[in-house]
């Protein structure tokens, strides 16, 4: 409560403030209330004293209200108070900082109003402590800023779909990775951006089945048309009733990783010089093919290729020239191969081919053409001499009974030996019945 002498308020104003007991109501009000005249405090309730961490009411009486405001907000509050007039008697709520008696800074939402009492002007101000809320807002803002920086700058791309698998949110990284802006893809089916749209369903099925996936491999298509390998980490978004609301997660570019793995596989499976399969990989492919032959009754031919006079060429012209001849031979043979055929280097100057879906008659034609093509090729040496090329071939059918593969390879080797002993530059055939190999052009053998 305030007294006339202590507070030096005009007698009429004091009497009016005390009249009717409404001052007691303000005193007991739970919301901080302060009344000032010419910025001097003439009334403050207990809630306001607590707000300023004060001890008693008397310590605040007569103080300039501006002194309780944080220095950075004093000018703004000064202008707000001076702006109050009869025509503009209320100030909208605003957040300000105050300095408490204990030198703490608090945040309050304050509003004020100009009141005329018998030609005397007073300002009634109220404030609500929002310090905790401010700290929460600040923390939330910092979290939002951190998420925004992460969202905008992360190398991975964040995405979210709705229940219909339409894209609802996509990070800016999508433009860097796929060439599309977020505006271009929002509302579109996620499957539209897969290299093979049906792959999206496989991703969705895996997420629904397990609840989430991690580093799931997939291929997306860049706006320019090329394929981008990605790894997807996502989880399903469920509603209160367990219904699927959508999917969200990240995908990252794994193109370099995939290409690196492919290179490692190629290095492990490919002959470094000729870039055809090495012996181990050729044998693996042959054994896998035998299983398919058993299942689908596919006609296949095994051909063993041996370069004629290769040692003499190496001895005379050097290993670099020999390597060049090996690569030339391989290039010529590849011209006769189809995509499904298997071609590998068994070692040294010996190679092997498996012609798939190929009858003996077709094999005869291919072998004849290949031998002629190689004979017609001359390779220049460093001394400007041109070396003629020649190969001998051993041929045998490859069947489901050739398990392990070395059974067929042994037959082909016997045929190759015959071709080498009968003049080279030709091919011989080993039949399946265990009979002796023969030269088709020097027998009554007829193509099947």
Protein backbone atom coordinates (compact mmCIF):
# COMPACT_ATOMS: atom_id res chain seq x y z
CA UNK A 1 0.00 0.00 0.00
CA UNK A 2 1.17 3.59 -0.58
CA UNK A 3 0.82 6.66 1.65
CA UNK A 4 0.25 10.31 0.81
CA UNK A 5 3.41 11.61 2.50
CA UNK A 6 5.80 8.88 1.34
CA UNK A 7 4.93 9.09 -2.29
CA UNK A 8 4.25 12.79 -2.78
CA UNK A 9 1.31 12.12 -5.07
CA UNK A 10 -1.18 15.02 -5.50
CA UNK A 11 -3.87 14.71 -2.85
CA UNK A 12 -6.72 14.56 -5.33
CA UNK A 13 -4.98 11.88 -7.37
CA UNK A 14 -4.06 9.88 -4.29
CA UNK A 15 -7.58 10.06 -2.93
CA UNK A 16 -9.00 8.99 -6.24
CA UNK A 17 -6.60 6.07 -6.54
CA UNK A 18 -7.58 4.88 -3.10
CA UNK A 19 -11.27 5.46 -3.65
CA UNK A 20 -13.43 2.39 -4.00
CA UNK A 21 -10.73 -0.05 -2.97
CA UNK A 22 -9.69 -0.90 -6.54
CA UNK A 23 -6.09 -0.17 -5.57
CA UNK A 24 -6.26 -3.17 -3.27
CA UNK A 25 -7.47 -5.22 -6.20
CA UNK A 26 -4.40 -4.22 -8.25
CA UNK A 27 -2.18 -4.96 -5.29
CA UNK A 28 -3.49 -8.50 -5.08
CA UNK A 29 -3.57 -9.07 -8.83
CA UNK A 30 -1.24 -11.92 -9.92
CA UNK A 31 -0.04 -9.96 -12.97
CA UNK A 32 2.69 -7.36 -12.35
CA UNK A 33 1.19 -3.83 -12.39
CA UNK A 34 3.00 -0.48 -12.23
CA UNK A 35 1.53 3.04 -12.27
CA UNK A 36 3.74 6.01 -13.16
CA UNK A 37 3.34 9.76 -13.40
CA UNK A 38 5.94 11.57 -15.45
CA UNK A 39 7.76 8.22 -15.52
CA UNK A 40 8.01 8.14 -11.72
CA UNK A 41 6.58 5.05 -10.01
CA UNK A 42 3.62 5.95 -7.78
CA UNK A 43 2.28 2.40 -7.45
CA UNK A 44 3.70 -1.09 -7.80
CA UNK A 45 2.03 -4.33 -6.77
CA UNK A 46 3.66 -7.31 -5.11
CA UNK A 47 3.76 -9.30 -8.36
CA UNK A 48 5.79 -6.51 -9.98
CA UNK A 49 8.14 -6.36 -6.96
CA UNK A 50 8.77 -10.08 -7.39
CA UNK A 51 9.29 -9.61 -11.11
CA UNK A 52 12.10 -7.13 -10.41
CA UNK A 53 13.48 -9.38 -7.63
CA UNK A 54 12.79 -6.60 -5.12
CA UNK A 55 12.40 -6.87 -1.34
CA UNK A 56 9.55 -4.44 -0.69
CA UNK A 57 7.26 -1.96 -2.38
CA UNK A 58 8.85 1.10 -0.80
CA UNK A 59 12.20 0.56 -2.52
CA UNK A 60 10.61 1.17 -5.92
CA UNK A 61 8.47 4.21 -5.14
CA UNK A 62 9.53 7.40 -6.91
CA UNK A 63 11.99 5.64 -9.21
CA UNK A 64 12.12 6.47 -12.91
CA UNK A 65 10.62 3.45 -14.69
CA UNK A 66 13.25 3.82 -17.42
CA UNK A 67 15.96 2.88 -14.90
CA UNK A 68 14.46 -0.61 -14.65
CA UNK A 69 14.63 -1.14 -18.40
CA UNK A 70 17.65 -2.75 -20.07
CA UNK A 71 19.86 -0.05 -21.66
CA UNK A 72 19.34 -1.49 -25.15
CA UNK A 73 15.57 -1.11 -24.78
CA UNK A 74 15.41 2.21 -22.87
CA UNK A 75 15.12 4.47 -25.91
CA UNK A 76 12.35 2.34 -27.41
CA UNK A 77 10.34 2.36 -24.16
CA UNK A 78 10.94 6.10 -23.71
CA UNK A 79 9.46 6.71 -27.17
CA UNK A 80 6.53 4.39 -26.45
CA UNK A 81 5.65 6.28 -23.27
CA UNK A 82 5.95 9.68 -24.95
CA UNK A 83 3.77 8.47 -27.81
CA UNK A 84 0.80 7.94 -25.49
CA UNK A 85 -1.88 10.61 -26.00
CA UNK A 86 -5.61 10.99 -25.46
CA UNK A 87 -6.12 9.89 -29.04
CA UNK A 88 -3.56 7.07 -28.83
CA UNK A 89 -3.92 5.96 -25.25
CA UNK A 90 -2.70 2.37 -25.51
CA UNK A 91 0.51 0.71 -26.60
CA UNK A 92 0.45 -2.73 -28.16
CA UNK A 93 2.22 -5.51 -26.24
CA UNK A 94 5.93 -5.78 -26.95
CA UNK A 95 8.82 -7.87 -25.71
CA UNK A 96 11.40 -5.94 -23.69
CA UNK A 97 14.31 -6.65 -21.39
CA UNK A 98 14.35 -5.44 -17.80
CA UNK A 99 17.13 -5.19 -15.24
CA UNK A 100 16.22 -6.67 -11.87
CA UNK A 101 17.47 -5.53 -8.49
CA UNK A 102 19.79 -8.55 -8.45
CA UNK A 103 21.30 -7.52 -11.82
CA UNK A 104 19.55 -10.23 -13.78
CA UNK A 105 18.11 -9.71 -17.21
CA UNK A 106 14.55 -10.84 -17.72
CA UNK A 107 12.31 -10.77 -20.76
CA UNK A 108 8.73 -9.57 -20.37
CA UNK A 109 5.77 -8.87 -22.60
CA UNK A 110 4.73 -5.37 -21.61
CA UNK A 111 1.78 -3.19 -22.53
CA UNK A 112 0.81 0.24 -21.24
CA UNK A 113 -2.08 2.69 -21.30
CA UNK A 114 -2.51 6.41 -20.61
CA UNK A 115 -5.27 7.18 -18.09
CA UNK A 116 -6.68 10.65 -17.38
CA UNK A 117 -7.86 11.28 -13.82
CA UNK A 118 -9.17 14.82 -13.14
CA UNK A 119 -6.83 16.27 -15.71
CA UNK A 120 -3.92 14.28 -14.30
CA UNK A 121 -2.20 11.83 -16.66
CA UNK A 122 -0.88 8.54 -15.37
CA UNK A 123 0.45 5.48 -17.18
CA UNK A 124 -0.58 2.01 -16.14
CA UNK A 125 1.83 -0.68 -17.30
CA UNK A 126 1.66 -4.42 -16.97
CA UNK A 127 4.19 -7.11 -17.78
CA UNK A 128 4.34 -10.89 -18.01
CA UNK A 129 7.60 -12.74 -17.42
CA UNK A 130 8.48 -14.68 -20.58
CA UNK A 131 12.16 -15.32 -19.80
CA UNK A 132 11.79 -19.09 -19.89
CA UNK A 133 9.72 -18.88 -23.06
CA UNK A 134 12.34 -16.60 -24.61
CA UNK A 135 15.08 -19.10 -23.80
CA UNK A 136 12.99 -21.87 -25.32
CA UNK A 137 12.37 -19.75 -28.42
CA UNK A 138 16.07 -18.94 -28.63
CA UNK A 139 16.97 -22.60 -28.28
CA UNK A 140 14.34 -23.53 -30.86
CA UNK A 141 15.61 -20.81 -33.20
CA UNK A 142 19.16 -22.09 -32.82
CA UNK A 143 17.94 -25.62 -33.51
CA UNK A 144 16.01 -24.40 -36.55
CA UNK A 145 19.04 -22.50 -37.79
CA UNK A 146 21.23 -25.55 -37.28
CA UNK A 147 18.72 -27.74 -39.12
CA UNK A 148 18.45 -25.17 -41.89
CA UNK A 149 22.22 -25.09 -42.30
CA UNK A 150 22.32 -28.87 -42.23
CA UNK A 151 19.36 -29.09 -44.62
CA UNK A 152 20.87 -26.62 -47.08
CA UNK A 153 24.54 -27.51 -46.86
CA UNK A 154 24.67 -31.24 -46.20
CA UNK A 155 26.23 -33.33 -48.94
CA UNK A 156 23.35 -35.77 -48.57
CA UNK A 157 19.87 -34.90 -49.83
CA UNK A 158 16.90 -34.93 -47.46
CA UNK A 159 13.50 -35.87 -48.86
CA UNK A 160 9.98 -36.57 -47.63
CA UNK A 161 7.00 -38.11 -49.43
CA UNK A 162 3.32 -38.37 -48.61
CA UNK A 163 1.30 -41.57 -48.49
CA UNK A 164 0.97 -41.54 -52.29
CA UNK A 165 4.78 -41.42 -52.63
CA UNK A 166 4.70 -37.88 -54.00
CA UNK A 167 7.62 -35.67 -53.03
CA UNK A 168 6.61 -33.08 -50.42
CA UNK A 169 10.02 -31.83 -49.30
CA UNK A 170 13.41 -32.00 -50.98
CA UNK A 171 16.70 -30.49 -49.87
CA UNK A 172 18.66 -28.03 -52.04
CA UNK A 173 21.28 -30.73 -52.58
CA UNK A 174 18.93 -32.33 -55.12
CA UNK A 175 19.85 -29.65 -57.62
CA UNK A 176 23.54 -30.33 -57.18
CA UNK A 177 23.07 -34.10 -57.41
CA UNK A 178 20.26 -34.45 -59.96
CA UNK A 179 19.94 -31.03 -61.59
CA UNK A 180 16.36 -30.43 -60.39
CA UNK A 181 15.27 -27.56 -58.15
CA UNK A 182 12.93 -28.35 -55.26
CA UNK A 183 10.18 -26.43 -57.06
CA UNK A 184 10.47 -28.74 -60.07
CA UNK A 185 9.98 -31.96 -58.12
CA UNK A 186 7.55 -31.08 -55.31
CA UNK A 187 4.25 -32.87 -55.86
CA UNK A 188 5.73 -35.30 -58.40
CA UNK A 189 5.96 -39.09 -57.84
CA UNK A 190 9.35 -40.07 -56.43
CA UNK A 191 9.52 -42.89 -58.98
CA UNK A 192 9.77 -40.30 -61.79
CA UNK A 193 13.37 -39.67 -60.82
CA UNK A 194 14.57 -43.27 -60.75
CA UNK A 195 16.60 -44.64 -63.65
CA UNK A 196 14.17 -47.56 -63.57
CA UNK A 197 10.87 -46.37 -62.00
CA UNK A 198 9.96 -49.87 -60.83
CA UNK A 199 12.97 -49.76 -58.48
CA UNK A 200 11.16 -47.20 -56.31
CA UNK A 201 8.57 -49.81 -55.36
CA UNK A 202 11.35 -52.14 -54.23
CA UNK A 203 12.66 -49.34 -51.99
CA UNK A 204 9.18 -48.64 -50.59
CA UNK A 205 8.51 -52.34 -49.99
CA UNK A 206 11.77 -52.67 -48.05
CA UNK A 207 10.99 -49.62 -45.90
CA UNK A 208 7.47 -50.82 -45.12
CA UNK A 209 8.69 -54.33 -44.35
CA UNK A 210 11.52 -53.33 -42.01
CA UNK A 211 10.37 -49.88 -40.87
CA UNK A 212 13.58 -48.36 -42.16
CA UNK A 213 16.46 -49.01 -44.53
CA UNK A 214 20.10 -47.98 -44.45
CA UNK A 215 22.33 -47.42 -47.49
CA UNK A 216 19.86 -49.17 -49.81
CA UNK A 217 21.41 -49.09 -53.32
CA UNK A 218 19.42 -47.46 -56.11
CA UNK A 219 19.91 -45.55 -59.34
CA UNK A 220 18.40 -42.14 -60.02
CA UNK A 221 18.39 -40.26 -63.30
CA UNK A 222 19.92 -36.81 -63.65
CA UNK A 223 17.99 -34.08 -65.43
CA UNK A 224 20.51 -34.41 -68.27
CA UNK A 225 19.70 -38.10 -68.62
CA UNK A 226 22.67 -39.89 -67.11
CA UNK A 227 22.42 -42.34 -64.19
CA UNK A 228 23.45 -41.41 -60.65
CA UNK A 229 24.14 -44.22 -58.16
CA UNK A 230 22.82 -43.45 -54.67
CA UNK A 231 22.46 -45.08 -51.26
CA UNK A 232 19.12 -44.41 -49.55
CA UNK A 233 18.58 -44.28 -45.79
CA UNK A 234 14.90 -43.80 -44.92
CA UNK A 235 12.14 -44.64 -42.48
CA UNK A 236 8.38 -44.83 -42.67
CA UNK A 237 6.22 -42.05 -41.16
CA UNK A 238 3.28 -43.53 -39.25
CA UNK A 239 0.08 -41.88 -38.07
CA UNK A 240 -1.63 -42.30 -34.69
CA UNK A 241 -3.51 -45.35 -35.91
CA UNK A 242 -0.40 -46.86 -37.46
CA UNK A 243 -1.33 -45.76 -40.96
CA UNK A 244 1.49 -44.89 -43.37
CA UNK A 245 1.67 -41.13 -43.83
CA UNK A 246 4.78 -41.13 -45.95
CA UNK A 247 8.50 -41.78 -46.03
CA UNK A 248 11.42 -39.53 -45.17
CA UNK A 249 15.15 -39.89 -45.22
CA UNK A 250 18.35 -39.09 -47.05
CA UNK A 251 20.06 -40.26 -50.19
CA UNK A 252 23.71 -39.74 -51.01
CA UNK A 253 25.75 -39.95 -54.16
CA UNK A 254 27.68 -43.22 -54.37
CA UNK A 255 28.66 -43.00 -58.03
CA UNK A 256 32.36 -42.81 -57.24
CA UNK A 257 32.09 -45.68 -54.76
CA UNK A 258 30.20 -47.85 -57.25
CA UNK A 259 32.65 -47.07 -60.04
CA UNK A 260 35.55 -47.82 -57.70
CA UNK A 261 34.04 -51.18 -56.79
CA UNK A 262 33.51 -51.93 -60.46
CA UNK A 263 37.14 -51.10 -61.13
CA UNK A 264 38.25 -53.38 -58.32
CA UNK A 265 36.07 -56.19 -59.67
CA UNK A 266 37.43 -55.57 -63.15
CA UNK A 267 41.00 -55.59 -61.88
CA UNK A 268 40.35 -58.81 -60.01
CA UNK A 269 38.63 -60.51 -62.94
CA UNK A 270 40.35 -59.05 -66.00
CA UNK A 271 43.66 -59.75 -67.65
CA UNK A 272 45.60 -56.50 -67.37
CA UNK A 273 47.22 -56.64 -70.82
CA UNK A 274 44.35 -57.77 -73.04
CA UNK A 275 41.40 -56.66 -70.85
CA UNK A 276 39.57 -59.96 -71.31
CA UNK A 277 38.67 -62.26 -68.41
CA UNK A 278 41.58 -63.78 -66.55
CA UNK A 279 41.82 -67.54 -66.06
CA UNK A 280 40.04 -67.62 -62.69
CA UNK A 281 37.12 -65.48 -63.85
CA UNK A 282 36.80 -67.41 -67.11
CA UNK A 283 36.57 -70.69 -65.20
CA UNK A 284 33.95 -69.18 -62.86
CA UNK A 285 31.89 -68.02 -65.82
CA UNK A 286 32.22 -71.39 -67.53
CA UNK A 287 31.09 -73.36 -64.48
CA UNK A 288 28.10 -71.04 -64.00
CA UNK A 289 27.19 -71.45 -67.65
CA UNK A 290 27.28 -75.27 -67.37
CA UNK A 291 24.53 -75.01 -64.75
CA UNK A 292 22.43 -72.94 -67.16
CA UNK A 293 23.09 -75.40 -69.98
CA UNK A 294 21.79 -78.16 -67.73
CA UNK A 295 18.64 -76.19 -66.97
CA UNK A 296 17.81 -74.74 -70.38
CA UNK A 297 19.49 -77.21 -72.81
CA UNK A 298 21.48 -74.44 -74.45
CA UNK A 299 23.88 -75.27 -77.32
CA UNK A 300 27.37 -74.00 -76.53
CA UNK A 301 30.82 -74.44 -78.05
CA UNK A 302 34.16 -74.24 -76.29
CA UNK A 303 37.11 -73.00 -78.35
CA UNK A 304 40.73 -72.92 -77.20
CA UNK A 305 42.92 -70.45 -79.12
CA UNK A 306 46.71 -70.69 -79.36
CA UNK A 307 48.94 -68.24 -81.23
CA UNK A 308 51.25 -69.87 -83.74
CA UNK A 309 54.99 -69.05 -83.69
CA UNK A 310 54.50 -66.63 -80.77
CA UNK A 311 57.76 -67.62 -79.04
CA UNK A 312 59.74 -66.90 -82.21
CA UNK A 313 58.11 -63.46 -82.49
CA UNK A 314 58.92 -62.68 -78.86
CA UNK A 315 62.51 -63.83 -79.23
CA UNK A 316 63.08 -61.86 -82.41
CA UNK A 317 61.16 -58.64 -81.78
CA UNK A 318 60.93 -58.44 -77.99
CA UNK A 319 58.20 -58.74 -75.41
CA UNK A 320 56.67 -55.32 -76.14
CA UNK A 321 56.05 -56.37 -79.73
CA UNK A 322 54.71 -59.68 -78.43
CA UNK A 323 52.30 -57.83 -76.16
CA UNK A 324 51.14 -55.73 -79.09
CA UNK A 325 50.44 -58.88 -81.12
CA UNK A 326 48.44 -60.39 -78.25
CA UNK A 327 46.27 -57.27 -78.09
CA UNK A 328 45.83 -57.30 -81.86
CA UNK A 329 44.73 -60.94 -81.84
CA UNK A 330 42.25 -60.26 -79.02
CA UNK A 331 40.82 -57.28 -80.89
CA UNK A 332 40.29 -59.37 -84.03
CA UNK A 333 38.63 -62.20 -82.09
CA UNK A 334 36.29 -59.77 -80.32
CA UNK A 335 34.90 -58.73 -83.71
CA UNK A 336 33.39 -62.21 -84.03
CA UNK A 337 31.92 -62.34 -80.51
CA UNK A 338 28.42 -61.58 -79.33
CA UNK A 339 27.60 -59.93 -76.03
CA UNK A 340 26.65 -63.20 -74.33
CA UNK A 341 29.84 -65.03 -75.36
CA UNK A 342 32.60 -65.57 -72.79
CA UNK A 343 36.20 -64.72 -73.68
CA UNK A 344 39.25 -65.12 -71.45
CA UNK A 345 43.00 -65.53 -71.34
CA UNK A 346 44.11 -68.87 -69.93
CA UNK A 347 47.74 -67.81 -69.78
CA UNK A 348 50.64 -66.84 -72.02
CA UNK A 349 49.46 -66.93 -75.63
CA UNK A 350 46.49 -69.21 -74.98
CA UNK A 351 42.92 -67.96 -74.89
CA UNK A 352 39.50 -69.57 -74.66
CA UNK A 353 36.04 -68.70 -75.93
CA UNK A 354 32.59 -70.05 -75.13
CA UNK A 355 30.10 -69.37 -77.89
CA UNK A 356 26.59 -69.40 -76.46
CA UNK A 357 23.50 -70.53 -78.38
CA UNK A 358 25.80 -71.75 -81.11
CA UNK A 359 25.59 -74.97 -83.14
CA UNK A 360 28.61 -76.80 -84.58
CA UNK A 361 27.74 -75.45 -88.03
CA UNK A 362 27.71 -71.87 -86.78
CA UNK A 363 30.89 -72.50 -84.83
CA UNK A 364 32.61 -73.81 -87.96
CA UNK A 365 31.76 -70.60 -89.83
CA UNK A 366 32.94 -68.39 -86.96
CA UNK A 367 36.22 -70.27 -86.56
CA UNK A 368 36.91 -70.19 -90.30
CA UNK A 369 36.23 -66.44 -90.52
CA UNK A 370 38.35 -65.70 -87.46
CA UNK A 371 41.33 -67.72 -88.71
CA UNK A 372 41.17 -66.02 -92.13
CA UNK A 373 40.81 -62.55 -90.62
CA UNK A 374 43.87 -63.12 -88.44
CA UNK A 375 45.89 -64.55 -91.36
CA UNK A 376 45.06 -61.47 -93.42
CA UNK A 377 46.42 -59.16 -90.72
CA UNK A 378 50.04 -58.01 -90.62
CA UNK A 379 51.44 -56.18 -87.60
CA UNK A 380 54.31 -53.68 -88.07
CA UNK A 381 57.33 -54.18 -85.84
CA UNK A 382 59.74 -51.50 -84.55
CA UNK A 383 62.21 -52.45 -87.32
CA UNK A 384 59.41 -51.75 -89.84
CA UNK A 385 59.09 -55.44 -90.64
CA UNK A 386 55.50 -56.66 -90.85
CA UNK A 387 54.70 -59.88 -89.06
CA UNK A 388 51.98 -62.23 -90.30
CA UNK A 389 49.67 -63.69 -87.67
CA UNK A 390 48.31 -67.19 -87.28
CA UNK A 391 46.24 -69.07 -84.70
CA UNK A 392 45.25 -72.68 -84.13
CA UNK A 393 41.92 -73.59 -82.55
CA UNK A 394 40.61 -76.58 -80.63
CA UNK A 395 36.81 -76.91 -80.63
CA UNK A 396 34.38 -79.08 -78.65
CA UNK A 397 30.73 -78.89 -77.63
CA UNK A 398 30.09 -77.76 -74.04
CA UNK A 399 27.35 -79.71 -72.29
CA UNK A 400 25.78 -80.16 -68.87
CA UNK A 401 27.95 -83.28 -68.44
CA UNK A 402 31.10 -81.14 -68.44
CA UNK A 403 31.06 -80.64 -64.70
CA UNK A 404 33.70 -79.73 -63.75
CA UNK A 405 34.62 -77.51 -66.68
CA UNK A 406 38.09 -79.05 -67.03
CA UNK A 407 36.47 -82.08 -68.71
CA UNK A 408 35.50 -79.96 -71.71
CA UNK A 409 38.80 -78.08 -71.60
CA UNK A 410 40.71 -81.37 -71.85
CA UNK A 411 38.77 -82.33 -75.01
CA UNK A 412 39.41 -78.91 -76.55
CA UNK A 413 43.12 -79.20 -75.74
CA UNK A 414 43.30 -82.55 -77.58
CA UNK A 415 41.70 -80.94 -80.61
CA UNK A 416 44.12 -78.00 -80.37
CA UNK A 417 47.08 -80.39 -80.30
CA UNK A 418 45.85 -81.98 -83.52
CA UNK A 419 45.49 -78.59 -85.21
CA UNK A 420 49.02 -77.62 -84.15
CA UNK A 421 50.52 -80.89 -85.44
CA UNK A 422 48.66 -80.74 -88.76
CA UNK A 423 50.17 -77.50 -89.95
CA UNK A 424 48.67 -74.81 -87.68
CA UNK A 425 46.47 -71.97 -88.89
CA UNK A 426 43.46 -74.29 -88.72
CA UNK A 427 41.01 -75.78 -86.23
CA UNK A 428 40.20 -79.32 -85.09
CA UNK A 429 37.14 -80.71 -83.34
CA UNK A 430 36.88 -83.11 -80.41
CA UNK A 431 33.59 -85.07 -80.41
CA UNK A 432 31.58 -85.83 -77.28
CA UNK A 433 31.64 -89.61 -77.78
CA UNK A 434 35.27 -89.89 -76.74
CA UNK A 435 36.42 -90.37 -80.33
CA UNK A 436 39.64 -88.96 -81.71
CA UNK A 437 39.78 -85.27 -82.69
CA UNK A 438 39.59 -84.52 -86.41
CA UNK A 439 40.09 -81.69 -88.87
CA UNK A 440 36.70 -80.85 -90.44
CA UNK A 441 38.25 -79.90 -93.78
CA UNK A 442 40.14 -83.22 -93.99
CA UNK A 443 37.35 -85.63 -93.07
CA UNK A 444 33.86 -86.53 -93.95
CA UNK A 445 32.58 -84.52 -90.96
CA UNK A 446 29.47 -82.60 -91.82
CA UNK A 447 28.31 -79.56 -89.86
CA UNK A 448 25.19 -80.24 -87.77
